[in-house]
Amino acid sequence: MADEEIQQPRLDSWDDFAGDWIKAEFIPKVPATLMCISVTGLIMDDKTRLVALVEYNERQWKFDLNKTNQAFLRANGISAPSQIVGKQLIVEKTKVRNPSTNAQVDSLVITSIK
């Protein structure tokens, strides 16, 4: 381990502490474009979640394709999750209820695909 250089987070920005998941608060202006790089299924909390790896502002993020976004994709001709790879996902902000806290929070919803 002594020969390996350990990557230290930058302290001149909050960027290295934002985590891997894109959140509505990270997008100051909508509509915004997320470029889909790949799609995968992740098992989290004993449930399979559909997750897209997207690029936004020159950074890669995980984007949870929740039931609302999945329904939008199906209704707009996307017959399989793999079909969004290479597509631009246009997102807006919407209010949703956080089931853990029962508070209204901002969420990202896909409004078009290019």
PDB file of N, CA and C in Angstrom:
ATOM      1  N   MET A   1       0.830  -1.202   0.000  1.00  0.00           N
ATOM      2  CA  MET A   1       0.000   0.000   0.000  1.00  0.00           C
ATOM      3  C   MET A   1       0.868   1.257   0.000  1.00  0.00           C
ATOM      4  N   ALA A   2       2.067   1.165   0.477  1.00  0.00           N
ATOM      5  CA  ALA A   2       2.945   2.321   0.538  1.00  0.00           C
ATOM      6  C   ALA A   2       3.293   2.821  -0.861  1.00  0.00           C
ATOM      7  N   ASP A   3       3.366   1.885  -1.844  1.00  0.00           N
ATOM      8  CA  ASP A   3       3.711   2.279  -3.202  1.00  0.00           C
ATOM      9  C   ASP A   3       2.533   2.888  -3.956  1.00  0.00           C
ATOM     10  N   GLU A   4       1.314   2.643  -3.485  1.00  0.00           N
ATOM     11  CA  GLU A   4       0.131   3.170  -4.157  1.00  0.00           C
ATOM     12  C   GLU A   4      -0.179   4.566  -3.653  1.00  0.00           C
ATOM     13  N   GLU A   5      -0.550   5.421  -4.576  1.00  0.00           N
ATOM     14  CA  GLU A   5      -0.948   6.768  -4.188  1.00  0.00           C
ATOM     15  C   GLU A   5      -2.442   6.762  -3.896  1.00  0.00           C
ATOM     16  N   ILE A   6      -2.820   7.208  -2.732  1.00  0.00           N
ATOM     17  CA  ILE A   6      -4.223   7.250  -2.346  1.00  0.00           C
ATOM     18  C   ILE A   6      -4.825   8.558  -2.847  1.00  0.00           C
ATOM     19  N   GLN A   7      -5.934   8.435  -3.571  1.00  0.00           N
ATOM     20  CA  GLN A   7      -6.624   9.607  -4.117  1.00  0.00           C
ATOM     21  C   GLN A   7      -7.324  10.352  -2.982  1.00  0.00           C
ATOM     22  N   GLN A   8      -6.957  11.577  -2.775  1.00  0.00           N
ATOM     23  CA  GLN A   8      -7.553  12.401  -1.730  1.00  0.00           C
ATOM     24  C   GLN A   8      -8.640  13.282  -2.336  1.00  0.00           C
ATOM     25  N   PRO A   9      -9.737  13.502  -1.614  1.00  0.00           N
ATOM     26  CA  PRO A   9     -10.775  14.403  -2.132  1.00  0.00           C
ATOM     27  C   PRO A   9     -10.258  15.844  -2.164  1.00  0.00           C
ATOM     28  N   ARG A  10     -10.749  16.579  -3.153  1.00  0.00           N
ATOM     29  CA  ARG A  10     -10.401  18.003  -3.229  1.00  0.00           C
ATOM     30  C   ARG A  10     -11.189  18.754  -2.164  1.00  0.00           C
ATOM     31  N   LEU A  11     -10.566  19.704  -1.520  1.00  0.00           N
ATOM     32  CA  LEU A  11     -11.242  20.468  -0.472  1.00  0.00           C
ATOM     33  C   LEU A  11     -11.618  21.869  -0.927  1.00  0.00           C
ATOM     34  N   ASP A  12     -11.387  22.164  -2.209  1.00  0.00           N
ATOM     35  CA  ASP A  12     -11.737  23.484  -2.726  1.00  0.00           C
ATOM     36  C   ASP A  12     -13.124  23.497  -3.372  1.00  0.00           C
ATOM     37  N   SER A  13     -13.857  22.381  -3.261  1.00  0.00           N
ATOM     38  CA  SER A  13     -15.173  22.255  -3.862  1.00  0.00           C
ATOM     39  C   SER A  13     -15.959  21.186  -3.116  1.00  0.00           C
ATOM     40  N   TRP A  14     -17.295  21.250  -3.210  1.00  0.00           N
ATOM     41  CA  TRP A  14     -18.151  20.222  -2.617  1.00  0.00           C
ATOM     42  C   TRP A  14     -18.318  19.033  -3.554  1.00  0.00           C
ATOM     43  N   ASP A  15     -17.824  19.137  -4.787  1.00  0.00           N
ATOM     44  CA  ASP A  15     -18.066  18.126  -5.809  1.00  0.00           C
ATOM     45  C   ASP A  15     -17.656  16.718  -5.392  1.00  0.00           C
ATOM     46  N   ASP A  16     -16.540  16.565  -4.711  1.00  0.00           N
ATOM     47  CA  ASP A  16     -16.073  15.235  -4.324  1.00  0.00           C
ATOM     48  C   ASP A  16     -16.890  14.623  -3.185  1.00  0.00           C
ATOM     49  N   PHE A  17     -17.821  15.358  -2.639  1.00  0.00           N
ATOM     50  CA  PHE A  17     -18.622  14.870  -1.519  1.00  0.00           C
ATOM     51  C   PHE A  17     -20.104  14.728  -1.874  1.00  0.00           C
ATOM     52  N   ALA A  18     -20.419  14.847  -3.157  1.00  0.00           N
ATOM     53  CA  ALA A  18     -21.813  14.820  -3.597  1.00  0.00           C
ATOM     54  C   ALA A  18     -22.384  13.409  -3.668  1.00  0.00           C
ATOM     55  N   GLY A  19     -21.550  12.382  -3.707  1.00  0.00           N
ATOM     56  CA  GLY A  19     -22.029  11.017  -3.842  1.00  0.00           C
ATOM     57  C   GLY A  19     -22.164  10.638  -5.303  1.00  0.00           C
ATOM     58  N   ASP A  20     -22.680   9.433  -5.540  1.00  0.00           N
ATOM     59  CA  ASP A  20     -22.786   8.905  -6.901  1.00  0.00           C
ATOM     60  C   ASP A  20     -24.140   9.147  -7.545  1.00  0.00           C
ATOM     61  N   TRP A  21     -25.155   9.477  -6.758  1.00  0.00           N
ATOM     62  CA  TRP A  21     -26.525   9.590  -7.259  1.00  0.00           C
ATOM     63  C   TRP A  21     -26.851  11.038  -7.578  1.00  0.00           C
ATOM     64  N   ILE A  22     -27.380  11.282  -8.776  1.00  0.00           N
ATOM     65  CA  ILE A  22     -27.778  12.645  -9.128  1.00  0.00           C
ATOM     66  C   ILE A  22     -29.079  12.982  -8.401  1.00  0.00           C
ATOM     67  N   LYS A  23     -29.148  14.187  -7.909  1.00  0.00           N
ATOM     68  CA  LYS A  23     -30.330  14.658  -7.184  1.00  0.00           C
ATOM     69  C   LYS A  23     -30.819  15.950  -7.815  1.00  0.00           C
ATOM     70  N   ALA A  24     -32.071  16.257  -7.600  1.00  0.00           N
ATOM     71  CA  ALA A  24     -32.654  17.476  -8.156  1.00  0.00           C
ATOM     72  C   ALA A  24     -31.884  18.715  -7.713  1.00  0.00           C
ATOM     73  N   GLU A  25     -31.371  18.699  -6.500  1.00  0.00           N
ATOM     74  CA  GLU A  25     -30.656  19.878  -5.985  1.00  0.00           C
ATOM     75  C   GLU A  25     -29.350  20.146  -6.735  1.00  0.00           C
ATOM     76  N   PHE A  26     -28.815  19.147  -7.464  1.00  0.00           N
ATOM     77  CA  PHE A  26     -27.580  19.328  -8.216  1.00  0.00           C
ATOM     78  C   PHE A  26     -27.820  19.982  -9.574  1.00  0.00           C
ATOM     79  N   ILE A  27     -29.089  20.134  -9.949  1.00  0.00           N
ATOM     80  CA  ILE A  27     -29.441  20.703 -11.250  1.00  0.00           C
ATOM     81  C   ILE A  27     -30.107  22.053 -11.011  1.00  0.00           C
ATOM     82  N   PRO A  28     -29.355  23.139 -11.186  1.00  0.00           N
ATOM     83  CA  PRO A  28     -29.901  24.459 -10.862  1.00  0.00           C
ATOM     84  C   PRO A  28     -30.962  24.958 -11.835  1.00  0.00           C
ATOM     85  N   LYS A  29     -30.889  24.527 -13.101  1.00  0.00           N
ATOM     86  CA  LYS A  29     -31.818  25.045 -14.100  1.00  0.00           C
ATOM     87  C   LYS A  29     -32.405  23.886 -14.904  1.00  0.00           C
ATOM     88  N   VAL A  30     -33.724  23.865 -15.027  1.00  0.00           N
ATOM     89  CA  VAL A  30     -34.404  22.843 -15.818  1.00  0.00           C
ATOM     90  C   VAL A  30     -35.167  23.517 -16.953  1.00  0.00           C
ATOM     91  N   PRO A  31     -35.422  22.834 -18.042  1.00  0.00           N
ATOM     92  CA  PRO A  31     -35.092  21.442 -18.268  1.00  0.00           C
ATOM     93  C   PRO A  31     -33.581  21.241 -18.388  1.00  0.00           C
ATOM     94  N   ALA A  32     -33.137  20.039 -18.023  1.00  0.00           N
ATOM     95  CA  ALA A  32     -31.724  19.679 -18.101  1.00  0.00           C
ATOM     96  C   ALA A  32     -31.596  18.389 -18.907  1.00  0.00           C
ATOM     97  N   THR A  33     -30.441  18.205 -19.510  1.00  0.00           N
ATOM     98  CA  THR A  33     -30.186  17.028 -20.338  1.00  0.00           C
ATOM     99  C   THR A  33     -29.213  16.095 -19.644  1.00  0.00           C
ATOM    100  N   LEU A  34     -29.628  14.832 -19.490  1.00  0.00           N
ATOM    101  CA  LEU A  34     -28.764  13.785 -18.954  1.00  0.00           C
ATOM    102  C   LEU A  34     -28.480  12.819 -20.100  1.00  0.00           C
ATOM    103  N   MET A  35     -27.218  12.597 -20.420  1.00  0.00           N
ATOM    104  CA  MET A  35     -26.848  11.650 -21.483  1.00  0.00           C
ATOM    105  C   MET A  35     -26.702  10.267 -20.860  1.00  0.00           C
ATOM    106  N   CYS A  36     -27.477   9.295 -21.343  1.00  0.00           N
ATOM    107  CA  CYS A  36     -27.442   7.941 -20.800  1.00  0.00           C
ATOM    108  C   CYS A  36     -26.250   7.178 -21.370  1.00  0.00           C
ATOM    109  N   ILE A  37     -25.398   6.695 -20.487  1.00  0.00           N
ATOM    110  CA  ILE A  37     -24.194   5.950 -20.867  1.00  0.00           C
ATOM    111  C   ILE A  37     -24.441   4.443 -20.794  1.00  0.00           C
ATOM    112  N   SER A  38     -25.154   4.013 -19.762  1.00  0.00           N
ATOM    113  CA  SER A  38     -25.463   2.582 -19.611  1.00  0.00           C
ATOM    114  C   SER A  38     -26.647   2.431 -18.668  1.00  0.00           C
ATOM    115  N   VAL A  39     -27.195   1.211 -18.631  1.00  0.00           N
ATOM    116  CA  VAL A  39     -28.319   0.901 -17.744  1.00  0.00           C
ATOM    117  C   VAL A  39     -28.014  -0.441 -17.083  1.00  0.00           C
ATOM    118  N   THR A  40     -28.354  -0.546 -15.807  1.00  0.00           N
ATOM    119  CA  THR A  40     -28.138  -1.792 -15.084  1.00  0.00           C
ATOM    120  C   THR A  40     -29.222  -1.973 -14.036  1.00  0.00           C
ATOM    121  N   GLY A  41     -29.351  -3.179 -13.559  1.00  0.00           N
ATOM    122  CA  GLY A  41     -30.248  -3.455 -12.436  1.00  0.00           C
ATOM    123  C   GLY A  41     -29.412  -3.637 -11.181  1.00  0.00           C
ATOM    124  N   LEU A  42     -29.768  -2.969 -10.117  1.00  0.00           N
ATOM    125  CA  LEU A  42     -29.076  -3.102  -8.837  1.00  0.00           C
ATOM    126  C   LEU A  42     -30.035  -3.654  -7.804  1.00  0.00           C
ATOM    127  N   ILE A  43     -29.567  -4.580  -7.001  1.00  0.00           N
ATOM    128  CA  ILE A  43     -30.392  -5.084  -5.903  1.00  0.00           C
ATOM    129  C   ILE A  43     -30.057  -4.261  -4.674  1.00  0.00           C
ATOM    130  N   MET A  44     -31.063  -3.524  -4.197  1.00  0.00           N
ATOM    131  CA  MET A  44     -30.907  -2.664  -3.022  1.00  0.00           C
ATOM    132  C   MET A  44     -32.117  -2.869  -2.134  1.00  0.00           C
ATOM    133  N   ASP A  45     -31.880  -3.099  -0.864  1.00  0.00           N
ATOM    134  CA  ASP A  45     -32.972  -3.320   0.091  1.00  0.00           C
ATOM    135  C   ASP A  45     -33.886  -4.446  -0.379  1.00  0.00           C
ATOM    136  N   ASP A  46     -33.302  -5.526  -0.887  1.00  0.00           N
ATOM    137  CA  ASP A  46     -34.029  -6.704  -1.372  1.00  0.00           C
ATOM    138  C   ASP A  46     -34.955  -6.407  -2.549  1.00  0.00           C
ATOM    139  N   LYS A  47     -34.751  -5.291  -3.229  1.00  0.00           N
ATOM    140  CA  LYS A  47     -35.543  -4.943  -4.412  1.00  0.00           C
ATOM    141  C   LYS A  47     -34.587  -4.653  -5.561  1.00  0.00           C
ATOM    142  N   THR A  48     -34.997  -5.024  -6.760  1.00  0.00           N
ATOM    143  CA  THR A  48     -34.193  -4.700  -7.934  1.00  0.00           C
ATOM    144  C   THR A  48     -34.600  -3.316  -8.422  1.00  0.00           C
ATOM    145  N   ARG A  49     -33.604  -2.445  -8.551  1.00  0.00           N
ATOM    146  CA  ARG A  49     -33.848  -1.091  -9.042  1.00  0.00           C
ATOM    147  C   ARG A  49     -33.154  -0.922 -10.380  1.00  0.00           C
ATOM    148  N   LEU A  50     -33.825  -0.256 -11.297  1.00  0.00           N
ATOM    149  CA  LEU A  50     -33.266   0.042 -12.606  1.00  0.00           C
ATOM    150  C   LEU A  50     -32.503   1.363 -12.487  1.00  0.00           C
ATOM    151  N   VAL A  51     -31.213   1.321 -12.824  1.00  0.00           N
ATOM    152  CA  VAL A  51     -30.352   2.492 -12.644  1.00  0.00           C
ATOM    153  C   VAL A  51     -29.645   2.808 -13.959  1.00  0.00           C
ATOM    154  N   ALA A  52     -29.712   4.065 -14.360  1.00  0.00           N
ATOM    155  CA  ALA A  52     -28.987   4.530 -15.546  1.00  0.00           C
ATOM    156  C   ALA A  52     -27.728   5.258 -15.083  1.00  0.00           C
ATOM    157  N   LEU A  53     -26.635   5.006 -15.765  1.00  0.00           N
ATOM    158  CA  LEU A  53     -25.434   5.805 -15.574  1.00  0.00           C
ATOM    159  C   LEU A  53     -25.544   6.935 -16.581  1.00  0.00           C
ATOM    160  N   VAL A  54     -25.579   8.174 -16.088  1.00  0.00           N
ATOM    161  CA  VAL A  54     -25.780   9.336 -16.953  1.00  0.00           C
ATOM    162  C   VAL A  54     -24.633  10.314 -16.789  1.00  0.00           C
ATOM    163  N   GLU A  55     -24.475  11.158 -17.795  1.00  0.00           N
ATOM    164  CA  GLU A  55     -23.491  12.226 -17.701  1.00  0.00           C
ATOM    165  C   GLU A  55     -24.229  13.551 -17.648  1.00  0.00           C
ATOM    166  N   TYR A  56     -23.825  14.386 -16.696  1.00  0.00           N
ATOM    167  CA  TYR A  56     -24.385  15.732 -16.553  1.00  0.00           C
ATOM    168  C   TYR A  56     -23.252  16.641 -16.099  1.00  0.00           C
ATOM    169  N   ASN A  57     -23.046  17.748 -16.781  1.00  0.00           N
ATOM    170  CA  ASN A  57     -21.974  18.693 -16.454  1.00  0.00           C
ATOM    171  C   ASN A  57     -20.618  18.003 -16.339  1.00  0.00           C
ATOM    172  N   GLU A  58     -20.306  17.175 -17.326  1.00  0.00           N
ATOM    173  CA  GLU A  58     -19.012  16.513 -17.441  1.00  0.00           C
ATOM    174  C   GLU A  58     -18.700  15.569 -16.273  1.00  0.00           C
ATOM    175  N   ARG A  59     -19.732  15.068 -15.613  1.00  0.00           N
ATOM    176  CA  ARG A  59     -19.540  14.122 -14.522  1.00  0.00           C
ATOM    177  C   ARG A  59     -20.544  12.982 -14.685  1.00  0.00           C
ATOM    178  N   GLN A  60     -20.145  11.784 -14.315  1.00  0.00           N
ATOM    179  CA  GLN A  60     -21.038  10.644 -14.385  1.00  0.00           C
ATOM    180  C   GLN A  60     -21.761  10.461 -13.055  1.00  0.00           C
ATOM    181  N   TRP A  61     -23.059  10.156 -13.164  1.00  0.00           N
ATOM    182  CA  TRP A  61     -23.924   9.979 -11.999  1.00  0.00           C
ATOM    183  C   TRP A  61     -24.792   8.733 -12.183  1.00  0.00           C
ATOM    184  N   LYS A  62     -25.259   8.174 -11.091  1.00  0.00           N
ATOM    185  CA  LYS A  62     -26.297   7.153 -11.133  1.00  0.00           C
ATOM    186  C   LYS A  62     -27.635   7.874 -11.066  1.00  0.00           C
ATOM    187  N   PHE A  63     -28.595   7.421 -11.886  1.00  0.00           N
ATOM    188  CA  PHE A  63     -29.927   8.018 -11.931  1.00  0.00           C
ATOM    189  C   PHE A  63     -30.938   6.897 -11.754  1.00  0.00           C
ATOM    190  N   ASP A  64     -31.697   6.945 -10.680  1.00  0.00           N
ATOM    191  CA  ASP A  64     -32.697   5.931 -10.366  1.00  0.00           C
ATOM    192  C   ASP A  64     -33.877   6.085 -11.314  1.00  0.00           C
ATOM    193  N   LEU A  65     -34.085   5.058 -12.135  1.00  0.00           N
ATOM    194  CA  LEU A  65     -35.239   5.075 -13.041  1.00  0.00           C
ATOM    195  C   LEU A  65     -36.429   4.509 -12.269  1.00  0.00           C
ATOM    196  N   ASN A  66     -37.078   5.381 -11.518  1.00  0.00           N
ATOM    197  CA  ASN A  66     -38.195   4.970 -10.666  1.00  0.00           C
ATOM    198  C   ASN A  66     -39.406   4.574 -11.514  1.00  0.00           C
ATOM    199  N   LYS A  67     -40.464   4.143 -10.870  1.00  0.00           N
ATOM    200  CA  LYS A  67     -41.663   3.663 -11.586  1.00  0.00           C
ATOM    201  C   LYS A  67     -42.249   4.726 -12.510  1.00  0.00           C
ATOM    202  N   THR A  68     -42.255   5.987 -12.065  1.00  0.00           N
ATOM    203  CA  THR A  68     -42.784   7.076 -12.893  1.00  0.00           C
ATOM    204  C   THR A  68     -41.961   7.231 -14.167  1.00  0.00           C
ATOM    205  N   ASN A  69     -40.631   7.243 -14.027  1.00  0.00           N
ATOM    206  CA  ASN A  69     -39.771   7.390 -15.199  1.00  0.00           C
ATOM    207  C   ASN A  69     -39.839   6.157 -16.099  1.00  0.00           C
ATOM    208  N   GLN A  70     -39.957   4.964 -15.520  1.00  0.00           N
ATOM    209  CA  GLN A  70     -40.109   3.760 -16.328  1.00  0.00           C
ATOM    210  C   GLN A  70     -41.403   3.808 -17.138  1.00  0.00           C
ATOM    211  N   ALA A  71     -42.484   4.245 -16.505  1.00  0.00           N
ATOM    212  CA  ALA A  71     -43.772   4.342 -17.201  1.00  0.00           C
ATOM    213  C   ALA A  71     -43.684   5.344 -18.361  1.00  0.00           C
ATOM    214  N   PHE A  72     -43.012   6.469 -18.134  1.00  0.00           N
ATOM    215  CA  PHE A  72     -42.842   7.465 -19.206  1.00  0.00           C
ATOM    216  C   PHE A  72     -42.075   6.857 -20.376  1.00  0.00           C
ATOM    217  N   LEU A  73     -40.985   6.150 -20.077  1.00  0.00           N
ATOM    218  CA  LEU A  73     -40.178   5.554 -21.140  1.00  0.00           C
ATOM    219  C   LEU A  73     -40.985   4.544 -21.950  1.00  0.00           C
ATOM    220  N   ARG A  74     -41.737   3.674 -21.261  1.00  0.00           N
ATOM    221  CA  ARG A  74     -42.574   2.679 -21.958  1.00  0.00           C
ATOM    222  C   ARG A  74     -43.639   3.357 -22.817  1.00  0.00           C
ATOM    223  N   ALA A  75     -44.275   4.399 -22.276  1.00  0.00           N
ATOM    224  CA  ALA A  75     -45.332   5.106 -23.003  1.00  0.00           C
ATOM    225  C   ALA A  75     -44.796   5.858 -24.220  1.00  0.00           C
ATOM    226  N   ASN A  76     -43.483   6.073 -24.251  1.00  0.00           N
ATOM    227  CA  ASN A  76     -42.886   6.813 -25.359  1.00  0.00           C
ATOM    228  C   ASN A  76     -42.046   5.921 -26.272  1.00  0.00           C
ATOM    229  N   GLY A  77     -42.439   4.651 -26.344  1.00  0.00           N
ATOM    230  CA  GLY A  77     -41.862   3.761 -27.334  1.00  0.00           C
ATOM    231  C   GLY A  77     -40.585   3.038 -26.958  1.00  0.00           C
ATOM    232  N   ILE A  78     -40.142   3.168 -25.729  1.00  0.00           N
ATOM    233  CA  ILE A  78     -38.947   2.453 -25.287  1.00  0.00           C
ATOM    234  C   ILE A  78     -39.408   1.079 -24.800  1.00  0.00           C
ATOM    235  N   SER A  79     -39.105   0.031 -25.578  1.00  0.00           N
ATOM    236  CA  SER A  79     -39.610  -1.302 -25.256  1.00  0.00           C
ATOM    237  C   SER A  79     -38.683  -2.096 -24.341  1.00  0.00           C
ATOM    238  N   ALA A  80     -37.447  -1.625 -24.138  1.00  0.00           N
ATOM    239  CA  ALA A  80     -36.503  -2.289 -23.239  1.00  0.00           C
ATOM    240  C   ALA A  80     -35.562  -1.240 -22.650  1.00  0.00           C
ATOM    241  N   PRO A  81     -35.148  -1.405 -21.404  1.00  0.00           N
ATOM    242  CA  PRO A  81     -34.265  -0.416 -20.779  1.00  0.00           C
ATOM    243  C   PRO A  81     -32.998  -0.121 -21.585  1.00  0.00           C
ATOM    244  N   SER A  82     -32.451  -1.127 -22.253  1.00  0.00           N
ATOM    245  CA  SER A  82     -31.207  -0.940 -23.011  1.00  0.00           C
ATOM    246  C   SER A  82     -31.365   0.063 -24.156  1.00  0.00           C
ATOM    247  N   GLN A  83     -32.595   0.342 -24.572  1.00  0.00           N
ATOM    248  CA  GLN A  83     -32.820   1.274 -25.682  1.00  0.00           C
ATOM    249  C   GLN A  83     -32.554   2.736 -25.329  1.00  0.00           C
ATOM    250  N   ILE A  84     -32.381   3.057 -24.055  1.00  0.00           N
ATOM    251  CA  ILE A  84     -32.099   4.457 -23.717  1.00  0.00           C
ATOM    252  C   ILE A  84     -30.603   4.767 -23.709  1.00  0.00           C
ATOM    253  N   VAL A  85     -29.762   3.736 -23.835  1.00  0.00           N
ATOM    254  CA  VAL A  85     -28.314   3.956 -23.876  1.00  0.00           C
ATOM    255  C   VAL A  85     -27.991   4.784 -25.122  1.00  0.00           C
ATOM    256  N   GLY A  86     -27.245   5.868 -24.923  1.00  0.00           N
ATOM    257  CA  GLY A  86     -26.902   6.776 -26.018  1.00  0.00           C
ATOM    258  C   GLY A  86     -27.940   7.859 -26.261  1.00  0.00           C
ATOM    259  N   LYS A  87     -29.029   7.834 -25.529  1.00  0.00           N
ATOM    260  CA  LYS A  87     -30.101   8.836 -25.677  1.00  0.00           C
ATOM    261  C   LYS A  87     -29.919   9.966 -24.664  1.00  0.00           C
ATOM    262  N   GLN A  88     -30.477  11.108 -25.014  1.00  0.00           N
ATOM    263  CA  GLN A  88     -30.537  12.240 -24.092  1.00  0.00           C
ATOM    264  C   GLN A  88     -31.865  12.166 -23.348  1.00  0.00           C
ATOM    265  N   LEU A  89     -31.796  12.169 -22.037  1.00  0.00           N
ATOM    266  CA  LEU A  89     -32.998  12.176 -21.201  1.00  0.00           C
ATOM    267  C   LEU A  89     -33.192  13.606 -20.712  1.00  0.00           C
ATOM    268  N   ILE A  90     -34.284  14.222 -21.116  1.00  0.00           N
ATOM    269  CA  ILE A  90     -34.581  15.596 -20.687  1.00  0.00           C
ATOM    270  C   ILE A  90     -35.396  15.492 -19.408  1.00  0.00           C
ATOM    271  N   VAL A  91     -34.921  16.149 -18.345  1.00  0.00           N
ATOM    272  CA  VAL A  91     -35.585  16.048 -17.040  1.00  0.00           C
ATOM    273  C   VAL A  91     -36.045  17.412 -16.538  1.00  0.00           C
ATOM    274  N   GLU A  92     -37.089  17.363 -15.752  1.00  0.00           N
ATOM    275  CA  GLU A  92     -37.626  18.522 -15.026  1.00  0.00           C
ATOM    276  C   GLU A  92     -37.681  18.131 -13.553  1.00  0.00           C
ATOM    277  N   LYS A  93     -37.957  19.091 -12.707  1.00  0.00           N
ATOM    278  CA  LYS A  93     -38.133  18.821 -11.277  1.00  0.00           C
ATOM    279  C   LYS A  93     -39.614  18.707 -10.954  1.00  0.00           C
ATOM    280  N   THR A  94     -39.924  17.835 -10.013  1.00  0.00           N
ATOM    281  CA  THR A  94     -41.291  17.691  -9.534  1.00  0.00           C
ATOM    282  C   THR A  94     -41.234  17.412  -8.035  1.00  0.00           C
ATOM    283  N   LYS A  95     -42.325  17.626  -7.362  1.00  0.00           N
ATOM    284  CA  LYS A  95     -42.401  17.340  -5.928  1.00  0.00           C
ATOM    285  C   LYS A  95     -42.931  15.924  -5.717  1.00  0.00           C
ATOM    286  N   VAL A  96     -42.291  15.196  -4.816  1.00  0.00           N
ATOM    287  CA  VAL A  96     -42.742  13.856  -4.431  1.00  0.00           C
ATOM    288  C   VAL A  96     -42.680  13.750  -2.916  1.00  0.00           C
ATOM    289  N   ARG A  97     -43.375  12.750  -2.390  1.00  0.00           N
ATOM    290  CA  ARG A  97     -43.352  12.523  -0.945  1.00  0.00           C
ATOM    291  C   ARG A  97     -42.259  11.515  -0.620  1.00  0.00           C
ATOM    292  N   ASN A  98     -41.375  11.892   0.284  1.00  0.00           N
ATOM    293  CA  ASN A  98     -40.346  10.977   0.771  1.00  0.00           C
ATOM    294  C   ASN A  98     -41.015  10.011   1.746  1.00  0.00           C
ATOM    295  N   PRO A  99     -41.021   8.698   1.453  1.00  0.00           N
ATOM    296  CA  PRO A  99     -41.724   7.755   2.327  1.00  0.00           C
ATOM    297  C   PRO A  99     -41.108   7.636   3.721  1.00  0.00           C
ATOM    298  N   SER A 100     -39.823   7.934   3.845  1.00  0.00           N
ATOM    299  CA  SER A 100     -39.170   7.834   5.156  1.00  0.00           C
ATOM    300  C   SER A 100     -39.546   8.977   6.092  1.00  0.00           C
ATOM    301  N   THR A 101     -39.627  10.186   5.529  1.00  0.00           N
ATOM    302  CA  THR A 101     -39.872  11.370   6.364  1.00  0.00           C
ATOM    303  C   THR A 101     -41.263  11.963   6.175  1.00  0.00           C
ATOM    304  N   ASN A 102     -41.976  11.508   5.139  1.00  0.00           N
ATOM    305  CA  ASN A 102     -43.291  12.034   4.785  1.00  0.00           C
ATOM    306  C   ASN A 102     -43.241  13.493   4.334  1.00  0.00           C
ATOM    307  N   ALA A 103     -42.041  13.998   4.041  1.00  0.00           N
ATOM    308  CA  ALA A 103     -41.879  15.380   3.587  1.00  0.00           C
ATOM    309  C   ALA A 103     -41.928  15.443   2.066  1.00  0.00           C
ATOM    310  N   GLN A 104     -42.347  16.581   1.525  1.00  0.00           N
ATOM    311  CA  GLN A 104     -42.323  16.822   0.095  1.00  0.00           C
ATOM    312  C   GLN A 104     -40.893  17.215  -0.295  1.00  0.00           C
ATOM    313  N   VAL A 105     -40.336  16.530  -1.302  1.00  0.00           N
ATOM    314  CA  VAL A 105     -38.980  16.807  -1.755  1.00  0.00           C
ATOM    315  C   VAL A 105     -38.967  16.905  -3.272  1.00  0.00           C
ATOM    316  N   ASP A 106     -37.936  17.567  -3.807  1.00  0.00           N
ATOM    317  CA  ASP A 106     -37.773  17.649  -5.264  1.00  0.00           C
ATOM    318  C   ASP A 106     -37.251  16.320  -5.792  1.00  0.00           C
ATOM    319  N   SER A 107     -37.743  15.942  -6.958  1.00  0.00           N
ATOM    320  CA  SER A 107     -37.294  14.737  -7.644  1.00  0.00           C
ATOM    321  C   SER A 107     -37.153  15.067  -9.128  1.00  0.00           C
ATOM    322  N   LEU A 108     -36.444  14.206  -9.854  1.00  0.00           N
ATOM    323  CA  LEU A 108     -36.262  14.407 -11.290  1.00  0.00           C
ATOM    324  C   LEU A 108     -37.200  13.485 -12.053  1.00  0.00           C
ATOM    325  N   VAL A 109     -37.877  14.040 -13.031  1.00  0.00           N
ATOM    326  CA  VAL A 109     -38.798  13.262 -13.860  1.00  0.00           C
ATOM    327  C   VAL A 109     -38.430  13.487 -15.328  1.00  0.00           C
ATOM    328  N   ILE A 110     -38.381  12.406 -16.090  1.00  0.00           N
ATOM    329  CA  ILE A 110     -38.073  12.494 -17.515  1.00  0.00           C
ATOM    330  C   ILE A 110     -39.300  13.054 -18.236  1.00  0.00           C
ATOM    331  N   THR A 111     -39.069  14.086 -19.065  1.00  0.00           N
ATOM    332  CA  THR A 111     -40.176  14.695 -19.808  1.00  0.00           C
ATOM    333  C   THR A 111     -40.049  14.489 -21.307  1.00  0.00           C
ATOM    334  N   SER A 112     -38.858  14.142 -21.794  1.00  0.00           N
ATOM    335  CA  SER A 112     -38.684  13.801 -23.201  1.00  0.00           C
ATOM    336  C   SER A 112     -37.385  13.032 -23.397  1.00  0.00           C
ATOM    337  N   ILE A 113     -37.283  12.408 -24.576  1.00  0.00           N
ATOM    338  CA  ILE A 113     -36.121  11.590 -24.929  1.00  0.00           C
ATOM    339  C   ILE A 113     -35.673  12.042 -26.321  1.00  0.00           C
ATOM    340  N   LYS A 114     -34.380  12.218 -26.489  1.00  0.00           N
ATOM    341  CA  LYS A 114     -33.847  12.595 -27.807  1.00  0.00           C
ATOM    342  C   LYS A 114     -32.774  11.599 -28.220  1.00  0.00           C
TER     343      LYS A 114
END
